[in-house]
Amino acid sequence: MAEVLERLLTLARRLVPQTGLSLTAAATLVRLAREGPSRVSDLASAEGVTQPAMSQLVARLERDGYVARTPSPQDGRAVLTALTAAGEHVIAARRDERVRALATLFAEVGADDARAIAAALPALRRLSTITNS
């Protein structure tokens, strides 16, 4: 099972649109969309990179207009990174492209396999919510 899931992850990475965003940049944007504004240190920890590396990434994402930095309302010394409308757009465009690519793949499997995959989705969804933290 682990081997098949690993292969699927590799396939999913290949389906990622070539938009000039690294996997870490895209994951950071998705995290901001899902969880809301965050400190750079929290983003670095969540994405498994150093704080200086995340600071550089956030600076690039800000330069490209995908994120904005604002003072934290709870702590005036802290800065939060938030997704912008352009960041939301790039995430949606990547997701749409990936969905189209997956739809093409699903069109190549038989009806029995498609039903089996659909039946496994609830368990896979539960698996996707488990964290190691």
C-alpha atoms as a PDB file:
ATOM      1  CA  MET A   1       0.000   0.000   0.000  1.00  0.00           C
ATOM      2  CA  ALA A   2       2.793   2.427   0.915  1.00  0.00           C
ATOM      3  CA  GLU A   3       4.570   1.724  -2.366  1.00  0.00           C
ATOM      4  CA  VAL A   4       1.449   2.493  -4.399  1.00  0.00           C
ATOM      5  CA  LEU A   5       0.803   5.700  -2.452  1.00  0.00           C
ATOM      6  CA  GLU A   6       4.416   6.748  -3.014  1.00  0.00           C
ATOM      7  CA  ARG A   7       3.996   6.185  -6.756  1.00  0.00           C
ATOM      8  CA  LEU A   8       0.793   8.239  -6.692  1.00  0.00           C
ATOM      9  CA  LEU A   9       2.610  11.081  -4.930  1.00  0.00           C
ATOM     10  CA  THR A  10       5.285  10.986  -7.619  1.00  0.00           C
ATOM     11  CA  LEU A  11       2.583  11.073 -10.292  1.00  0.00           C
ATOM     12  CA  ALA A  12       0.859  13.982  -8.557  1.00  0.00           C
ATOM     13  CA  ARG A  13       4.130  15.941  -8.489  1.00  0.00           C
ATOM     14  CA  ARG A  14       4.515  15.419 -12.238  1.00  0.00           C
ATOM     15  CA  LEU A  15       0.997  16.775 -12.758  1.00  0.00           C
ATOM     16  CA  VAL A  16       1.905  20.049 -11.064  1.00  0.00           C
ATOM     17  CA  PRO A  17       1.650  22.876 -13.582  1.00  0.00           C
ATOM     18  CA  GLN A  18       4.930  24.500 -14.530  1.00  0.00           C
ATOM     19  CA  THR A  19       4.095  28.019 -13.335  1.00  0.00           C
ATOM     20  CA  GLY A  20       7.507  28.920 -12.035  1.00  0.00           C
ATOM     21  CA  LEU A  21       6.560  28.133  -8.428  1.00  0.00           C
ATOM     22  CA  SER A  22       8.572  25.600  -6.484  1.00  0.00           C
ATOM     23  CA  LEU A  23       6.724  22.887  -4.598  1.00  0.00           C
ATOM     24  CA  THR A  24       7.510  24.696  -1.329  1.00  0.00           C
ATOM     25  CA  ALA A  25       6.208  28.004  -2.689  1.00  0.00           C
ATOM     26  CA  ALA A  26       3.002  26.389  -3.908  1.00  0.00           C
ATOM     27  CA  ALA A  27       2.559  24.499  -0.625  1.00  0.00           C
ATOM     28  CA  THR A  28       3.078  27.735   1.308  1.00  0.00           C
ATOM     29  CA  LEU A  29       0.411  29.511  -0.734  1.00  0.00           C
ATOM     30  CA  VAL A  30      -2.011  26.620  -0.228  1.00  0.00           C
ATOM     31  CA  ARG A  31      -1.285  26.625   3.524  1.00  0.00           C
ATOM     32  CA  LEU A  32      -2.010  30.369   3.709  1.00  0.00           C
ATOM     33  CA  ALA A  33      -5.260  29.836   1.793  1.00  0.00           C
ATOM     34  CA  ARG A  34      -6.296  27.027   4.120  1.00  0.00           C
ATOM     35  CA  GLU A  35      -5.092  28.391   7.476  1.00  0.00           C
ATOM     36  CA  GLY A  36      -5.020  32.147   7.008  1.00  0.00           C
ATOM     37  CA  PRO A  37      -2.262  34.650   7.772  1.00  0.00           C
ATOM     38  CA  SER A  38       0.809  33.183   9.504  1.00  0.00           C
ATOM     39  CA  ARG A  39       4.168  34.163  10.896  1.00  0.00           C
ATOM     40  CA  VAL A  40       7.203  33.257   8.792  1.00  0.00           C
ATOM     41  CA  SER A  41       8.509  31.053  11.613  1.00  0.00           C
ATOM     42  CA  ASP A  42       5.256  29.053  11.632  1.00  0.00           C
ATOM     43  CA  LEU A  43       5.348  28.682   7.848  1.00  0.00           C
ATOM     44  CA  ALA A  44       8.974  27.524   7.982  1.00  0.00           C
ATOM     45  CA  SER A  45       8.177  24.933  10.620  1.00  0.00           C
ATOM     46  CA  ALA A  46       5.105  23.670   8.744  1.00  0.00           C
ATOM     47  CA  GLU A  47       6.977  23.352   5.435  1.00  0.00           C
ATOM     48  CA  GLY A  48      10.121  21.865   6.965  1.00  0.00           C
ATOM     49  CA  VAL A  49      12.522  24.609   5.914  1.00  0.00           C
ATOM     50  CA  THR A  50      14.694  27.026   7.852  1.00  0.00           C
ATOM     51  CA  GLN A  51      13.362  30.401   8.865  1.00  0.00           C
ATOM     52  CA  PRO A  52      15.884  32.250   6.640  1.00  0.00           C
ATOM     53  CA  ALA A  53      14.850  30.100   3.668  1.00  0.00           C
ATOM     54  CA  MET A  54      11.173  30.840   4.325  1.00  0.00           C
ATOM     55  CA  SER A  55      11.948  34.548   4.730  1.00  0.00           C
ATOM     56  CA  GLN A  56      13.565  34.535   1.285  1.00  0.00           C
ATOM     57  CA  LEU A  57      10.639  32.611  -0.181  1.00  0.00           C
ATOM     58  CA  VAL A  58       8.089  34.996   1.342  1.00  0.00           C
ATOM     59  CA  ALA A  59      10.069  37.956  -0.020  1.00  0.00           C
ATOM     60  CA  ARG A  60       9.883  36.440  -3.534  1.00  0.00           C
ATOM     61  CA  LEU A  61       6.181  35.660  -3.169  1.00  0.00           C
ATOM     62  CA  GLU A  62       5.583  39.217  -1.966  1.00  0.00           C
ATOM     63  CA  ARG A  63       7.581  40.635  -4.898  1.00  0.00           C
ATOM     64  CA  ASP A  64       5.451  38.547  -7.266  1.00  0.00           C
ATOM     65  CA  GLY A  65       2.285  39.858  -5.611  1.00  0.00           C
ATOM     66  CA  TYR A  66       1.114  36.499  -4.214  1.00  0.00           C
ATOM     67  CA  VAL A  67       1.406  37.434  -0.528  1.00  0.00           C
ATOM     68  CA  ALA A  68       1.419  40.574   1.579  1.00  0.00           C
ATOM     69  CA  ARG A  69       2.995  41.163   4.970  1.00  0.00           C
ATOM     70  CA  THR A  70       1.072  43.033   7.651  1.00  0.00           C
ATOM     71  CA  PRO A  71       1.550  43.721  11.353  1.00  0.00           C
ATOM     72  CA  SER A  72      -0.135  41.194  13.640  1.00  0.00           C
ATOM     73  CA  PRO A  73      -3.212  42.656  15.325  1.00  0.00           C
ATOM     74  CA  GLN A  74      -2.391  40.627  18.479  1.00  0.00           C
ATOM     75  CA  ASP A  75       1.316  41.521  18.641  1.00  0.00           C
ATOM     76  CA  GLY A  76       2.498  44.735  16.996  1.00  0.00           C
ATOM     77  CA  ARG A  77       6.074  43.423  16.880  1.00  0.00           C
ATOM     78  CA  ALA A  78       5.092  40.378  14.810  1.00  0.00           C
ATOM     79  CA  VAL A  79       4.451  40.333  11.085  1.00  0.00           C
ATOM     80  CA  LEU A  80       1.920  38.067   9.396  1.00  0.00           C
ATOM     81  CA  THR A  81       2.086  36.814   5.838  1.00  0.00           C
ATOM     82  CA  ALA A  82      -1.270  36.657   4.061  1.00  0.00           C
ATOM     83  CA  LEU A  83      -2.410  35.454   0.670  1.00  0.00           C
ATOM     84  CA  THR A  84      -3.416  38.122  -1.870  1.00  0.00           C
ATOM     85  CA  ALA A  85      -6.037  37.881  -4.607  1.00  0.00           C
ATOM     86  CA  ALA A  86      -3.226  37.122  -7.079  1.00  0.00           C
ATOM     87  CA  GLY A  87      -2.051  34.304  -4.796  1.00  0.00           C
ATOM     88  CA  GLU A  88      -5.574  32.892  -4.653  1.00  0.00           C
ATOM     89  CA  HIS A  89      -5.742  33.077  -8.444  1.00  0.00           C
ATOM     90  CA  VAL A  90      -2.478  31.188  -8.986  1.00  0.00           C
ATOM     91  CA  ILE A  91      -3.595  28.453  -6.569  1.00  0.00           C
ATOM     92  CA  ALA A  92      -6.953  28.106  -8.335  1.00  0.00           C
ATOM     93  CA  ALA A  93      -5.289  28.002 -11.761  1.00  0.00           C
ATOM     94  CA  ARG A  94      -2.842  25.294 -10.638  1.00  0.00           C
ATOM     95  CA  ARG A  95      -5.667  23.270  -9.096  1.00  0.00           C
ATOM     96  CA  ASP A  96      -7.782  23.553 -12.262  1.00  0.00           C
ATOM     97  CA  GLU A  97      -4.887  22.398 -14.420  1.00  0.00           C
ATOM     98  CA  ARG A  98      -4.161  19.478 -12.113  1.00  0.00           C
ATOM     99  CA  VAL A  99      -7.858  18.474 -12.127  1.00  0.00           C
ATOM    100  CA  ARG A 100      -7.860  18.457 -15.939  1.00  0.00           C
ATOM    101  CA  ALA A 101      -4.744  16.270 -15.974  1.00  0.00           C
ATOM    102  CA  LEU A 102      -6.275  13.869 -13.452  1.00  0.00           C
ATOM    103  CA  ALA A 103      -9.522  13.723 -15.445  1.00  0.00           C
ATOM    104  CA  THR A 104      -7.475  12.654 -18.470  1.00  0.00           C
ATOM    105  CA  LEU A 105      -5.859   9.884 -16.411  1.00  0.00           C
ATOM    106  CA  PHE A 106      -9.192   8.697 -15.021  1.00  0.00           C
ATOM    107  CA  ALA A 107     -10.593   8.524 -18.548  1.00  0.00           C
ATOM    108  CA  GLU A 108      -7.942   5.866 -19.254  1.00  0.00           C
ATOM    109  CA  VAL A 109      -8.961   3.484 -16.447  1.00  0.00           C
ATOM    110  CA  GLY A 110     -11.861   1.098 -16.771  1.00  0.00           C
ATOM    111  CA  ALA A 111     -15.240   1.557 -15.114  1.00  0.00           C
ATOM    112  CA  ASP A 112     -14.462  -1.074 -12.447  1.00  0.00           C
ATOM    113  CA  ASP A 113     -11.231   0.683 -11.468  1.00  0.00           C
ATOM    114  CA  ALA A 114     -12.971   4.062 -11.442  1.00  0.00           C
ATOM    115  CA  ARG A 115     -15.632   2.685  -9.061  1.00  0.00           C
ATOM    116  CA  ALA A 116     -12.947   1.135  -6.832  1.00  0.00           C
ATOM    117  CA  ILE A 117     -11.055   4.438  -6.673  1.00  0.00           C
ATOM    118  CA  ALA A 118     -14.276   6.301  -5.867  1.00  0.00           C
ATOM    119  CA  ALA A 119     -15.059   3.797  -3.098  1.00  0.00           C
ATOM    120  CA  ALA A 120     -11.600   4.366  -1.571  1.00  0.00           C
ATOM    121  CA  LEU A 121     -11.954   8.160  -1.477  1.00  0.00           C
ATOM    122  CA  PRO A 122     -13.510   8.403   2.015  1.00  0.00           C
ATOM    123  CA  ALA A 123     -10.629   6.400   3.529  1.00  0.00           C
ATOM    124  CA  LEU A 124      -8.051   8.410   1.553  1.00  0.00           C
ATOM    125  CA  ARG A 125      -9.694  11.644   2.722  1.00  0.00           C
ATOM    126  CA  ARG A 126      -9.399  10.490   6.351  1.00  0.00           C
ATOM    127  CA  LEU A 127      -5.775   9.510   5.718  1.00  0.00           C
ATOM    128  CA  SER A 128      -5.062  12.977   4.336  1.00  0.00           C
ATOM    129  CA  THR A 129      -6.169  14.611   7.594  1.00  0.00           C
ATOM    130  CA  ILE A 130      -3.745  12.688   9.812  1.00  0.00           C
ATOM    131  CA  THR A 131      -0.727  14.729  10.833  1.00  0.00           C
ATOM    132  CA  ASN A 132       2.595  13.698  12.323  1.00  0.00           C
ATOM    133  CA  SER A 133       2.844  16.725  14.572  1.00  0.00           C
END
